[in-house]
N, C-alpha and C. Protein backbone atom coordinates (compact mmCIF):
# COMPACT_ATOMS: atom_id res chain seq x y z
N MET A 1 17.25 4.39 -12.19
CA MET A 1 17.47 5.13 -10.98
C MET A 1 17.25 4.21 -9.79
N LYS A 2 18.18 4.18 -8.86
CA LYS A 2 18.08 3.35 -7.66
C LYS A 2 17.60 4.20 -6.49
N LYS A 3 16.84 3.59 -5.62
CA LYS A 3 16.44 4.22 -4.37
C LYS A 3 17.01 3.37 -3.25
N TRP A 4 17.32 3.97 -2.14
CA TRP A 4 17.87 3.24 -1.00
C TRP A 4 16.92 3.39 0.17
N ILE A 5 16.70 2.29 0.85
CA ILE A 5 15.88 2.31 2.07
C ILE A 5 16.76 1.85 3.21
N LEU A 6 16.70 2.56 4.29
CA LEU A 6 17.47 2.21 5.47
C LEU A 6 16.55 1.53 6.46
N SER A 7 16.89 0.31 6.83
CA SER A 7 16.05 -0.45 7.76
C SER A 7 16.79 -0.58 9.07
N LEU A 8 16.16 -0.14 10.15
CA LEU A 8 16.77 -0.21 11.47
C LEU A 8 16.07 -1.25 12.35
N LEU A 9 15.42 -2.23 11.71
CA LEU A 9 14.66 -3.22 12.48
C LEU A 9 15.56 -4.10 13.34
N ALA A 10 16.67 -4.55 12.80
CA ALA A 10 17.58 -5.42 13.56
C ALA A 10 19.00 -4.94 13.31
N GLY A 11 19.35 -3.83 13.91
CA GLY A 11 20.67 -3.26 13.65
C GLY A 11 20.60 -2.36 12.44
N LEU A 12 21.71 -2.16 11.79
CA LEU A 12 21.79 -1.27 10.65
C LEU A 12 21.95 -2.09 9.38
N THR A 13 20.95 -2.08 8.53
CA THR A 13 20.96 -2.83 7.29
C THR A 13 20.66 -1.89 6.15
N LEU A 14 21.44 -1.96 5.09
CA LEU A 14 21.22 -1.14 3.91
C LEU A 14 20.70 -2.02 2.80
N MET A 15 19.62 -1.62 2.13
CA MET A 15 19.04 -2.44 1.08
C MET A 15 18.85 -1.60 -0.16
N ALA A 16 19.27 -2.10 -1.31
CA ALA A 16 19.05 -1.40 -2.57
C ALA A 16 17.76 -1.89 -3.19
N CYS A 17 17.06 -0.98 -3.82
CA CYS A 17 15.88 -1.38 -4.55
C CYS A 17 15.67 -0.39 -5.68
N SER A 18 15.00 -0.84 -6.71
CA SER A 18 14.75 0.04 -7.85
C SER A 18 13.27 0.28 -7.98
N ASP A 19 12.91 1.32 -8.73
CA ASP A 19 11.51 1.60 -8.98
C ASP A 19 10.86 0.37 -9.61
N THR A 20 9.59 0.17 -9.37
CA THR A 20 8.88 -0.99 -9.88
C THR A 20 8.23 -0.65 -11.21
N PRO A 21 8.84 -1.02 -12.33
CA PRO A 21 8.19 -0.76 -13.61
C PRO A 21 7.02 -1.70 -13.84
N SER A 22 6.21 -1.37 -14.79
CA SER A 22 5.02 -2.17 -15.08
C SER A 22 5.37 -3.62 -15.43
N THR A 23 6.54 -3.87 -15.99
CA THR A 23 6.91 -5.21 -16.41
C THR A 23 7.66 -5.98 -15.33
N ALA A 24 7.74 -5.44 -14.13
CA ALA A 24 8.49 -6.09 -13.05
C ALA A 24 7.80 -7.35 -12.59
N PRO A 25 8.56 -8.30 -12.00
CA PRO A 25 7.92 -9.48 -11.43
C PRO A 25 6.94 -9.09 -10.33
N VAL A 26 6.08 -10.02 -9.95
CA VAL A 26 5.05 -9.75 -8.94
C VAL A 26 5.66 -9.28 -7.62
N LYS A 27 6.74 -9.89 -7.19
CA LYS A 27 7.34 -9.51 -5.91
C LYS A 27 8.02 -8.16 -6.04
N ASN A 28 7.68 -7.23 -5.19
CA ASN A 28 8.28 -5.91 -5.18
C ASN A 28 9.59 -5.99 -4.41
N ALA A 29 10.67 -5.50 -5.00
CA ALA A 29 11.98 -5.55 -4.36
C ALA A 29 12.06 -4.61 -3.18
N CYS A 30 11.05 -3.79 -2.98
CA CYS A 30 11.09 -2.78 -1.92
C CYS A 30 10.10 -3.10 -0.82
N GLU A 31 10.12 -4.29 -0.30
CA GLU A 31 9.16 -4.68 0.72
C GLU A 31 9.72 -4.58 2.13
N THR A 32 10.76 -3.77 2.31
CA THR A 32 11.31 -3.57 3.64
C THR A 32 10.90 -2.19 4.12
N PRO A 33 10.10 -2.09 5.16
CA PRO A 33 9.63 -0.78 5.62
C PRO A 33 10.72 -0.04 6.38
N VAL A 34 10.60 1.27 6.41
CA VAL A 34 11.42 2.06 7.30
C VAL A 34 11.03 1.66 8.72
N SER A 35 11.99 1.66 9.64
CA SER A 35 11.75 1.19 11.00
C SER A 35 10.51 1.84 11.61
N LYS A 36 9.61 1.01 12.12
CA LYS A 36 8.40 1.49 12.77
C LYS A 36 8.09 0.59 13.96
N SER A 37 7.37 1.10 14.89
CA SER A 37 6.90 0.27 15.99
C SER A 37 5.40 0.49 16.10
N ALA A 38 4.66 -0.19 15.23
CA ALA A 38 3.21 -0.01 15.18
C ALA A 38 2.54 -1.37 15.17
N ASP A 39 1.24 -1.37 15.35
CA ASP A 39 0.48 -2.62 15.32
C ASP A 39 0.25 -3.10 13.90
N VAL A 40 0.37 -2.21 12.93
CA VAL A 40 0.26 -2.58 11.52
C VAL A 40 1.32 -1.80 10.75
N THR A 41 1.97 -2.47 9.78
CA THR A 41 2.99 -1.81 8.97
C THR A 41 2.80 -2.19 7.51
N VAL A 42 2.61 -1.20 6.64
CA VAL A 42 2.54 -1.45 5.20
C VAL A 42 3.96 -1.80 4.74
N THR A 43 4.11 -2.95 4.07
CA THR A 43 5.43 -3.35 3.56
C THR A 43 5.52 -3.25 2.05
N ALA A 44 4.41 -3.17 1.34
CA ALA A 44 4.43 -2.99 -0.11
C ALA A 44 3.08 -2.44 -0.56
N PRO A 45 3.01 -1.55 -1.52
CA PRO A 45 4.15 -0.94 -2.19
C PRO A 45 4.79 0.09 -1.26
N ASN A 46 6.08 0.09 -1.21
CA ASN A 46 6.75 0.92 -0.22
C ASN A 46 8.01 1.59 -0.76
N CYS A 47 8.16 1.59 -2.06
CA CYS A 47 9.39 2.15 -2.62
C CYS A 47 9.11 2.96 -3.88
N GLY A 48 7.93 3.57 -3.94
CA GLY A 48 7.62 4.38 -5.10
C GLY A 48 7.33 3.52 -6.32
N GLY A 49 7.75 3.99 -7.48
CA GLY A 49 7.54 3.25 -8.71
C GLY A 49 6.36 3.76 -9.49
N THR A 50 6.13 3.15 -10.63
CA THR A 50 5.05 3.53 -11.52
C THR A 50 4.27 2.30 -11.94
N TYR A 51 2.96 2.38 -11.87
CA TYR A 51 2.06 1.33 -12.30
C TYR A 51 1.21 1.88 -13.44
N LYS A 52 0.76 1.00 -14.33
CA LYS A 52 -0.14 1.37 -15.41
C LYS A 52 -1.55 0.89 -15.09
N VAL A 53 -2.55 1.56 -15.66
CA VAL A 53 -3.92 1.06 -15.57
C VAL A 53 -3.89 -0.37 -16.11
N GLY A 54 -4.48 -1.30 -15.39
CA GLY A 54 -4.46 -2.71 -15.77
C GLY A 54 -3.43 -3.52 -15.00
N ASP A 55 -2.43 -2.86 -14.41
CA ASP A 55 -1.43 -3.56 -13.58
C ASP A 55 -2.05 -3.96 -12.25
N THR A 56 -1.43 -4.92 -11.59
CA THR A 56 -1.85 -5.31 -10.25
C THR A 56 -0.87 -4.73 -9.24
N ILE A 57 -1.41 -4.01 -8.28
CA ILE A 57 -0.60 -3.49 -7.17
C ILE A 57 -0.75 -4.48 -6.03
N HIS A 58 0.35 -5.04 -5.58
CA HIS A 58 0.32 -6.01 -4.49
C HIS A 58 0.51 -5.27 -3.17
N VAL A 59 -0.58 -5.13 -2.42
CA VAL A 59 -0.56 -4.47 -1.12
C VAL A 59 -0.24 -5.54 -0.09
N LYS A 60 0.81 -5.29 0.71
CA LYS A 60 1.19 -6.24 1.76
C LYS A 60 1.41 -5.48 3.06
N TRP A 61 1.10 -6.15 4.17
CA TRP A 61 1.29 -5.53 5.47
C TRP A 61 1.57 -6.59 6.51
N THR A 62 2.19 -6.16 7.60
CA THR A 62 2.41 -7.04 8.74
C THR A 62 1.60 -6.51 9.91
N ILE A 63 1.25 -7.42 10.80
CA ILE A 63 0.39 -7.09 11.94
C ILE A 63 1.03 -7.61 13.21
N ASN A 64 0.99 -6.81 14.25
CA ASN A 64 1.38 -7.28 15.58
C ASN A 64 0.18 -8.06 16.12
N PRO A 65 0.30 -9.41 16.23
CA PRO A 65 -0.87 -10.21 16.62
C PRO A 65 -1.43 -9.88 18.00
N THR A 66 -0.65 -9.22 18.84
CA THR A 66 -1.17 -8.87 20.16
C THR A 66 -1.80 -7.48 20.17
N GLY A 67 -1.80 -6.79 19.03
CA GLY A 67 -2.32 -5.43 18.97
C GLY A 67 -3.81 -5.31 18.76
N GLY A 68 -4.51 -6.43 18.56
CA GLY A 68 -5.95 -6.40 18.41
C GLY A 68 -6.42 -6.17 16.99
N PHE A 69 -5.53 -6.19 16.03
CA PHE A 69 -5.89 -5.97 14.62
C PHE A 69 -6.51 -7.23 14.06
N SER A 70 -7.71 -7.11 13.41
CA SER A 70 -8.37 -8.32 12.92
C SER A 70 -8.78 -8.24 11.46
N THR A 71 -9.34 -7.14 11.03
CA THR A 71 -9.83 -7.01 9.66
C THR A 71 -9.29 -5.72 9.06
N ALA A 72 -8.69 -5.82 7.88
CA ALA A 72 -8.04 -4.66 7.27
C ALA A 72 -8.98 -3.88 6.37
N LYS A 73 -8.88 -2.57 6.45
CA LYS A 73 -9.53 -1.66 5.52
C LYS A 73 -8.41 -1.11 4.64
N LEU A 74 -8.48 -1.37 3.32
CA LEU A 74 -7.43 -0.96 2.40
C LEU A 74 -7.90 0.23 1.59
N GLN A 75 -7.09 1.29 1.58
CA GLN A 75 -7.45 2.50 0.86
C GLN A 75 -6.25 3.01 0.08
N MET A 76 -6.53 3.75 -0.98
CA MET A 76 -5.49 4.46 -1.72
C MET A 76 -5.84 5.93 -1.61
N ILE A 77 -4.86 6.74 -1.22
CA ILE A 77 -5.12 8.17 -1.10
C ILE A 77 -4.36 8.91 -2.19
N TYR A 78 -5.01 9.91 -2.74
CA TYR A 78 -4.46 10.74 -3.80
C TYR A 78 -3.98 12.06 -3.21
N PRO A 79 -3.04 12.74 -3.88
CA PRO A 79 -2.54 14.01 -3.33
C PRO A 79 -3.61 15.10 -3.22
N ASN A 80 -4.70 15.00 -3.99
CA ASN A 80 -5.77 16.01 -3.92
C ASN A 80 -6.78 15.70 -2.83
N GLY A 81 -6.55 14.65 -2.04
CA GLY A 81 -7.45 14.30 -0.95
C GLY A 81 -8.44 13.21 -1.27
N ALA A 82 -8.47 12.75 -2.53
CA ALA A 82 -9.37 11.65 -2.88
C ALA A 82 -8.99 10.41 -2.09
N ASN A 83 -9.98 9.62 -1.75
CA ASN A 83 -9.81 8.45 -0.90
C ASN A 83 -10.59 7.29 -1.52
N VAL A 84 -9.88 6.22 -1.91
CA VAL A 84 -10.50 5.13 -2.65
C VAL A 84 -10.32 3.82 -1.90
N TYR A 85 -11.42 3.08 -1.68
CA TYR A 85 -11.31 1.74 -1.10
C TYR A 85 -10.77 0.79 -2.16
N LEU A 86 -9.81 -0.04 -1.80
CA LEU A 86 -9.22 -0.98 -2.75
C LEU A 86 -9.92 -2.32 -2.76
N TYR A 87 -10.82 -2.56 -1.82
CA TYR A 87 -11.53 -3.82 -1.73
C TYR A 87 -13.01 -3.48 -1.79
N PRO A 88 -13.77 -4.12 -2.67
CA PRO A 88 -15.16 -3.70 -2.90
C PRO A 88 -16.02 -3.54 -1.65
N SER A 89 -15.89 -4.42 -0.68
CA SER A 89 -16.74 -4.30 0.51
C SER A 89 -16.14 -3.34 1.53
N GLY A 90 -14.95 -2.83 1.27
CA GLY A 90 -14.33 -1.89 2.19
C GLY A 90 -13.35 -2.55 3.15
N SER A 91 -13.46 -3.85 3.35
CA SER A 91 -12.54 -4.51 4.29
C SER A 91 -12.20 -5.90 3.79
N ILE A 92 -11.10 -6.41 4.29
CA ILE A 92 -10.65 -7.76 3.92
C ILE A 92 -10.13 -8.45 5.18
N GLY A 93 -10.57 -9.65 5.42
CA GLY A 93 -10.13 -10.40 6.60
C GLY A 93 -8.71 -10.92 6.40
N THR A 94 -8.00 -11.15 7.47
CA THR A 94 -6.66 -11.70 7.39
C THR A 94 -6.70 -13.13 7.89
N THR A 95 -6.15 -14.05 7.10
CA THR A 95 -6.16 -15.45 7.50
C THR A 95 -4.99 -15.77 8.42
N ASP A 96 -3.86 -15.13 8.23
CA ASP A 96 -2.71 -15.29 9.11
C ASP A 96 -2.69 -14.10 10.05
N PRO A 97 -2.58 -14.31 11.35
CA PRO A 97 -2.65 -13.19 12.29
C PRO A 97 -1.47 -12.23 12.20
N ARG A 98 -0.45 -12.54 11.39
CA ARG A 98 0.72 -11.66 11.33
C ARG A 98 0.90 -10.94 10.00
N PHE A 99 0.25 -11.41 8.93
CA PHE A 99 0.50 -10.87 7.60
C PHE A 99 -0.80 -10.64 6.85
N GLY A 100 -0.77 -9.70 5.91
CA GLY A 100 -1.89 -9.48 5.02
C GLY A 100 -1.37 -9.25 3.61
N ASN A 101 -2.18 -9.60 2.62
CA ASN A 101 -1.76 -9.49 1.24
C ASN A 101 -3.01 -9.35 0.38
N PHE A 102 -3.01 -8.38 -0.53
CA PHE A 102 -4.15 -8.18 -1.42
C PHE A 102 -3.65 -7.63 -2.74
N GLY A 103 -4.05 -8.26 -3.85
CA GLY A 103 -3.70 -7.77 -5.17
C GLY A 103 -4.83 -6.92 -5.72
N PHE A 104 -4.54 -5.68 -6.07
CA PHE A 104 -5.52 -4.72 -6.57
C PHE A 104 -5.19 -4.40 -8.02
N THR A 105 -6.07 -4.78 -8.95
CA THR A 105 -5.86 -4.46 -10.36
C THR A 105 -6.40 -3.05 -10.61
N VAL A 106 -5.54 -2.17 -11.12
CA VAL A 106 -5.89 -0.76 -11.31
C VAL A 106 -6.88 -0.62 -12.47
N PRO A 107 -8.10 -0.13 -12.19
CA PRO A 107 -9.09 0.08 -13.26
C PRO A 107 -8.88 1.45 -13.92
N ASP A 108 -9.66 1.72 -14.96
CA ASP A 108 -9.59 3.04 -15.63
C ASP A 108 -10.06 4.16 -14.71
N SER A 109 -11.04 3.86 -13.87
CA SER A 109 -11.55 4.86 -12.94
C SER A 109 -11.89 4.19 -11.62
N VAL A 110 -11.96 5.00 -10.57
CA VAL A 110 -12.24 4.50 -9.22
C VAL A 110 -13.29 5.40 -8.58
N PHE A 111 -13.92 4.93 -7.51
CA PHE A 111 -14.93 5.71 -6.80
C PHE A 111 -14.29 6.39 -5.60
N ASP A 112 -14.29 7.71 -5.60
CA ASP A 112 -13.71 8.50 -4.51
C ASP A 112 -14.71 8.60 -3.35
N GLN A 113 -14.31 8.13 -2.18
CA GLN A 113 -15.17 8.17 -1.00
C GLN A 113 -15.33 9.58 -0.45
N THR A 114 -14.43 10.49 -0.81
CA THR A 114 -14.50 11.87 -0.32
C THR A 114 -15.53 12.67 -1.10
N SER A 115 -15.42 12.66 -2.44
CA SER A 115 -16.34 13.45 -3.27
C SER A 115 -17.58 12.65 -3.67
N LEU A 116 -17.56 11.33 -3.43
CA LEU A 116 -18.63 10.41 -3.82
C LEU A 116 -18.86 10.44 -5.33
N LYS A 117 -17.76 10.53 -6.08
CA LYS A 117 -17.81 10.54 -7.54
C LYS A 117 -16.76 9.59 -8.10
N LYS A 118 -16.99 9.16 -9.34
CA LYS A 118 -16.00 8.38 -10.05
C LYS A 118 -14.92 9.32 -10.56
N ILE A 119 -13.67 8.92 -10.38
CA ILE A 119 -12.54 9.74 -10.84
C ILE A 119 -11.58 8.86 -11.62
N PRO A 120 -10.75 9.44 -12.50
CA PRO A 120 -9.75 8.64 -13.20
C PRO A 120 -8.75 8.05 -12.20
N SER A 121 -8.23 6.87 -12.51
CA SER A 121 -7.27 6.23 -11.62
C SER A 121 -5.90 6.90 -11.64
N LEU A 122 -5.63 7.70 -12.67
CA LEU A 122 -4.31 8.29 -12.84
C LEU A 122 -3.92 9.11 -11.61
N CYS A 123 -2.66 8.99 -11.22
CA CYS A 123 -2.21 9.63 -10.00
C CYS A 123 -0.70 9.83 -10.05
N SER A 124 -0.23 10.99 -9.63
CA SER A 124 1.21 11.25 -9.64
C SER A 124 1.88 10.88 -8.33
N ALA A 125 1.14 10.83 -7.25
CA ALA A 125 1.75 10.56 -5.93
C ALA A 125 0.75 9.91 -4.99
N CYS A 126 0.35 8.67 -5.29
CA CYS A 126 -0.61 7.94 -4.45
C CYS A 126 0.12 7.20 -3.33
N ARG A 127 -0.61 6.90 -2.29
CA ARG A 127 -0.11 6.07 -1.19
C ARG A 127 -1.21 5.10 -0.79
N VAL A 128 -0.80 3.97 -0.23
CA VAL A 128 -1.74 2.97 0.27
C VAL A 128 -1.84 3.11 1.79
N VAL A 129 -3.05 2.98 2.30
CA VAL A 129 -3.29 3.03 3.74
C VAL A 129 -3.94 1.72 4.16
N VAL A 130 -3.41 1.09 5.20
CA VAL A 130 -4.01 -0.11 5.78
C VAL A 130 -4.43 0.26 7.20
N THR A 131 -5.72 0.06 7.49
CA THR A 131 -6.29 0.44 8.78
C THR A 131 -7.12 -0.72 9.31
N ASP A 132 -7.14 -0.90 10.61
CA ASP A 132 -8.03 -1.89 11.20
C ASP A 132 -9.47 -1.39 11.02
N TYR A 133 -10.34 -2.26 10.53
CA TYR A 133 -11.72 -1.88 10.24
C TYR A 133 -12.47 -1.45 11.50
N GLN A 134 -12.12 -2.00 12.65
CA GLN A 134 -12.81 -1.69 13.90
C GLN A 134 -12.17 -0.54 14.68
N ASN A 135 -10.88 -0.25 14.39
CA ASN A 135 -10.15 0.73 15.20
C ASN A 135 -9.27 1.58 14.29
N ASP A 136 -9.71 2.79 13.96
CA ASP A 136 -8.97 3.67 13.05
C ASP A 136 -7.61 4.11 13.58
N ARG A 137 -7.34 3.90 14.87
CA ARG A 137 -6.03 4.27 15.41
C ARG A 137 -4.95 3.27 15.02
N LEU A 138 -5.35 2.05 14.61
CA LEU A 138 -4.39 1.05 14.15
C LEU A 138 -4.27 1.20 12.64
N THR A 139 -3.30 1.99 12.19
CA THR A 139 -3.19 2.33 10.77
C THR A 139 -1.75 2.58 10.37
N ASP A 140 -1.47 2.41 9.09
CA ASP A 140 -0.16 2.76 8.55
C ASP A 140 -0.33 3.14 7.08
N THR A 141 0.53 4.02 6.62
CA THR A 141 0.53 4.49 5.24
C THR A 141 1.86 4.12 4.60
N SER A 142 1.83 3.76 3.31
CA SER A 142 3.07 3.42 2.62
C SER A 142 4.06 4.59 2.76
N ASP A 143 5.35 4.25 2.87
CA ASP A 143 6.38 5.24 3.14
C ASP A 143 6.65 6.17 1.97
N VAL A 144 6.57 5.66 0.75
CA VAL A 144 6.89 6.44 -0.44
C VAL A 144 5.73 6.39 -1.41
N ALA A 145 5.41 7.52 -2.01
CA ALA A 145 4.31 7.58 -2.98
C ALA A 145 4.69 6.88 -4.29
N PHE A 146 3.67 6.42 -5.02
CA PHE A 146 3.87 5.80 -6.33
C PHE A 146 2.95 6.49 -7.33
N ALA A 147 3.19 6.24 -8.61
CA ALA A 147 2.40 6.86 -9.66
C ALA A 147 1.56 5.81 -10.39
N ILE A 148 0.41 6.25 -10.91
CA ILE A 148 -0.41 5.42 -11.79
C ILE A 148 -0.58 6.20 -13.08
N ILE A 149 -0.20 5.56 -14.19
CA ILE A 149 -0.30 6.20 -15.50
C ILE A 149 -1.25 5.41 -16.39
N GLY A 150 -1.62 5.98 -17.54
CA GLY A 150 -2.51 5.29 -18.47
C GLY A 150 -1.85 4.07 -19.09
N ARG A 151 -2.62 3.31 -19.80
CA ARG A 151 -2.13 2.06 -20.42
C ARG A 151 -0.99 2.27 -21.36
């Protein structure tokens, strides 16, 4: 099944991309965001797909260097409201002022910051959120939800 993303960043561009199966190469074919004008933009995962426990989800984002964004807080949100930090300390610094990249290996279970309990990683419609650690108003969420299934 193919999905289409329309990018209006520089005129009208049509890009084809397919769901990201567990055996796909590291680079996600769906790293073109829907047109946005924000200080931070999640660029991957951004086209749905399915990941298995043990797979690495490559979270990528772009930053407007004049927007004041300095340190990223990476989270995964579940449809039931669960909220999981993807980086153990809660934040990750960016070495390039314009781009961010973090590989998150999906464990069997994760710690939900909302319920303060360990929950299974399995998810039918998760999204990634990238937020500035110092300013919660500088934030973006992946455009399309993805699934996490068992091994």
